[in-house]
């Protein structure tokens, strides 16, 4: 899963894990470091699952088409439902 916002620094992630090991709850850690509670929970969950705070690379094949090209192909196929895949590919 790709991050939606800025990624936390490694130092901050280590501080979150250290505070959790000192038996502080998610809300207290979030309030202390001025982060959201869900950010703290996800960081700790990732550490417990993998033993590391780093985000693992995504798996799976990357998309070949951009979102714009995909919308264009959808518009073509919905505009003329009798159009064959070969003619759509030639037009796109």
C-alpha atoms as a PDB file:
ATOM      1  CA  UNK A   1       0.000   0.000   0.000  1.00  0.00           C
ATOM      2  CA  UNK A   2       1.354   3.281  -1.130  1.00  0.00           C
ATOM      3  CA  UNK A   3       1.458   6.193   1.311  1.00  0.00           C
ATOM      4  CA  UNK A   4      -1.153   8.921   0.763  1.00  0.00           C
ATOM      5  CA  UNK A   5       0.719  11.723   2.485  1.00  0.00           C
ATOM      6  CA  UNK A   6       4.294  12.439   3.463  1.00  0.00           C
ATOM      7  CA  UNK A   7       6.159   9.486   4.903  1.00  0.00           C
ATOM      8  CA  UNK A   8       7.330   9.767   8.488  1.00  0.00           C
ATOM      9  CA  UNK A   9      11.059   9.981   9.119  1.00  0.00           C
ATOM     10  CA  UNK A  10      12.811   6.858  10.403  1.00  0.00           C
ATOM     11  CA  UNK A  11      13.699   8.696  13.613  1.00  0.00           C
ATOM     12  CA  UNK A  12      10.034   9.484  14.282  1.00  0.00           C
ATOM     13  CA  UNK A  13       8.993   5.898  13.566  1.00  0.00           C
ATOM     14  CA  UNK A  14      11.621   4.618  16.004  1.00  0.00           C
ATOM     15  CA  UNK A  15      10.344   7.049  18.647  1.00  0.00           C
ATOM     16  CA  UNK A  16       6.792   5.752  18.147  1.00  0.00           C
ATOM     17  CA  UNK A  17       7.943   2.143  18.616  1.00  0.00           C
ATOM     18  CA  UNK A  18      10.085   3.074  21.637  1.00  0.00           C
ATOM     19  CA  UNK A  19       7.173   4.849  23.327  1.00  0.00           C
ATOM     20  CA  UNK A  20       4.953   1.841  22.623  1.00  0.00           C
ATOM     21  CA  UNK A  21       7.526  -0.461  24.213  1.00  0.00           C
ATOM     22  CA  UNK A  22       7.430   1.837  27.261  1.00  0.00           C
ATOM     23  CA  UNK A  23       3.753   0.838  27.571  1.00  0.00           C
ATOM     24  CA  UNK A  24       2.199   4.088  26.338  1.00  0.00           C
ATOM     25  CA  UNK A  25      -1.107   3.831  24.492  1.00  0.00           C
ATOM     26  CA  UNK A  26      -1.808   4.975  20.943  1.00  0.00           C
ATOM     27  CA  UNK A  27      -3.620   8.134  22.060  1.00  0.00           C
ATOM     28  CA  UNK A  28      -0.842   9.240  24.426  1.00  0.00           C
ATOM     29  CA  UNK A  29       1.830   8.617  21.780  1.00  0.00           C
ATOM     30  CA  UNK A  30      -0.214  10.525  19.197  1.00  0.00           C
ATOM     31  CA  UNK A  31      -0.727  13.455  21.563  1.00  0.00           C
ATOM     32  CA  UNK A  32       2.947  13.523  22.584  1.00  0.00           C
ATOM     33  CA  UNK A  33       4.270  13.495  18.999  1.00  0.00           C
ATOM     34  CA  UNK A  34       1.368  15.543  17.531  1.00  0.00           C
ATOM     35  CA  UNK A  35       0.319  12.821  15.089  1.00  0.00           C
ATOM     36  CA  UNK A  36      -3.001  11.176  14.363  1.00  0.00           C
ATOM     37  CA  UNK A  37      -3.908   8.084  16.317  1.00  0.00           C
ATOM     38  CA  UNK A  38      -4.305   6.042  13.115  1.00  0.00           C
ATOM     39  CA  UNK A  39      -0.760   6.951  11.998  1.00  0.00           C
ATOM     40  CA  UNK A  40       0.624   5.691  15.292  1.00  0.00           C
ATOM     41  CA  UNK A  41      -1.471   2.514  15.108  1.00  0.00           C
ATOM     42  CA  UNK A  42      -0.387   1.744  11.533  1.00  0.00           C
ATOM     43  CA  UNK A  43       3.278   2.298  12.373  1.00  0.00           C
ATOM     44  CA  UNK A  44       3.110  -0.010  15.389  1.00  0.00           C
ATOM     45  CA  UNK A  45       1.108  -2.628  13.457  1.00  0.00           C
ATOM     46  CA  UNK A  46       3.713  -2.578  10.671  1.00  0.00           C
ATOM     47  CA  UNK A  47       6.508  -2.987  13.225  1.00  0.00           C
ATOM     48  CA  UNK A  48       4.765  -5.909  14.947  1.00  0.00           C
ATOM     49  CA  UNK A  49       4.061  -7.640  11.629  1.00  0.00           C
ATOM     50  CA  UNK A  50       7.420  -7.215   9.874  1.00  0.00           C
ATOM     51  CA  UNK A  51       9.859  -6.301  12.654  1.00  0.00           C
ATOM     52  CA  UNK A  52      10.746  -3.127  10.752  1.00  0.00           C
ATOM     53  CA  UNK A  53       9.170   0.299  10.384  1.00  0.00           C
ATOM     54  CA  UNK A  54      10.049   0.655   6.706  1.00  0.00           C
ATOM     55  CA  UNK A  55       7.328   0.510   4.073  1.00  0.00           C
ATOM     56  CA  UNK A  56       7.757  -2.550   1.887  1.00  0.00           C
ATOM     57  CA  UNK A  57       7.588  -2.140  -1.874  1.00  0.00           C
ATOM     58  CA  UNK A  58       4.250  -2.879  -3.483  1.00  0.00           C
ATOM     59  CA  UNK A  59       3.831  -6.224  -5.169  1.00  0.00           C
ATOM     60  CA  UNK A  60       2.048  -6.962  -8.385  1.00  0.00           C
ATOM     61  CA  UNK A  61       2.403  -5.827 -11.929  1.00  0.00           C
ATOM     62  CA  UNK A  62       2.414  -2.064 -12.536  1.00  0.00           C
ATOM     63  CA  UNK A  63      -0.347  -0.586 -14.688  1.00  0.00           C
ATOM     64  CA  UNK A  64       0.413  -0.169 -18.394  1.00  0.00           C
ATOM     65  CA  UNK A  65      -2.177   2.536 -19.060  1.00  0.00           C
ATOM     66  CA  UNK A  66      -2.478   5.892 -17.385  1.00  0.00           C
ATOM     67  CA  UNK A  67      -5.789   6.821 -15.769  1.00  0.00           C
ATOM     68  CA  UNK A  68      -6.454   9.239 -18.621  1.00  0.00           C
ATOM     69  CA  UNK A  69      -5.915   6.574 -21.300  1.00  0.00           C
ATOM     70  CA  UNK A  70      -8.107   4.136 -19.414  1.00  0.00           C
ATOM     71  CA  UNK A  71     -10.959   6.689 -19.261  1.00  0.00           C
ATOM     72  CA  UNK A  72     -10.549   7.348 -22.990  1.00  0.00           C
ATOM     73  CA  UNK A  73     -10.878   3.640 -23.809  1.00  0.00           C
ATOM     74  CA  UNK A  74     -13.944   3.362 -21.558  1.00  0.00           C
ATOM     75  CA  UNK A  75     -15.570   6.331 -23.301  1.00  0.00           C
ATOM     76  CA  UNK A  76     -14.888   4.769 -26.704  1.00  0.00           C
ATOM     77  CA  UNK A  77     -16.340   1.413 -25.747  1.00  0.00           C
ATOM     78  CA  UNK A  78     -19.422   2.883 -24.052  1.00  0.00           C
ATOM     79  CA  UNK A  79     -20.046   5.253 -26.965  1.00  0.00           C
ATOM     80  CA  UNK A  80     -20.157   2.458 -29.511  1.00  0.00           C
ATOM     81  CA  UNK A  81     -20.860  -0.924 -27.955  1.00  0.00           C
ATOM     82  CA  UNK A  82     -20.492  -2.729 -31.300  1.00  0.00           C
ATOM     83  CA  UNK A  83     -16.863  -1.601 -31.661  1.00  0.00           C
ATOM     84  CA  UNK A  84     -14.344  -4.449 -31.600  1.00  0.00           C
ATOM     85  CA  UNK A  85     -11.310  -4.561 -29.334  1.00  0.00           C
ATOM     86  CA  UNK A  86      -8.999  -4.255 -32.345  1.00  0.00           C
ATOM     87  CA  UNK A  87     -10.684  -1.067 -33.549  1.00  0.00           C
ATOM     88  CA  UNK A  88     -10.601   0.407 -30.031  1.00  0.00           C
ATOM     89  CA  UNK A  89      -6.876  -0.385 -29.794  1.00  0.00           C
ATOM     90  CA  UNK A  90      -6.248   1.202 -33.194  1.00  0.00           C
ATOM     91  CA  UNK A  91      -8.151   4.336 -32.210  1.00  0.00           C
ATOM     92  CA  UNK A  92      -6.515   4.636 -28.802  1.00  0.00           C
END
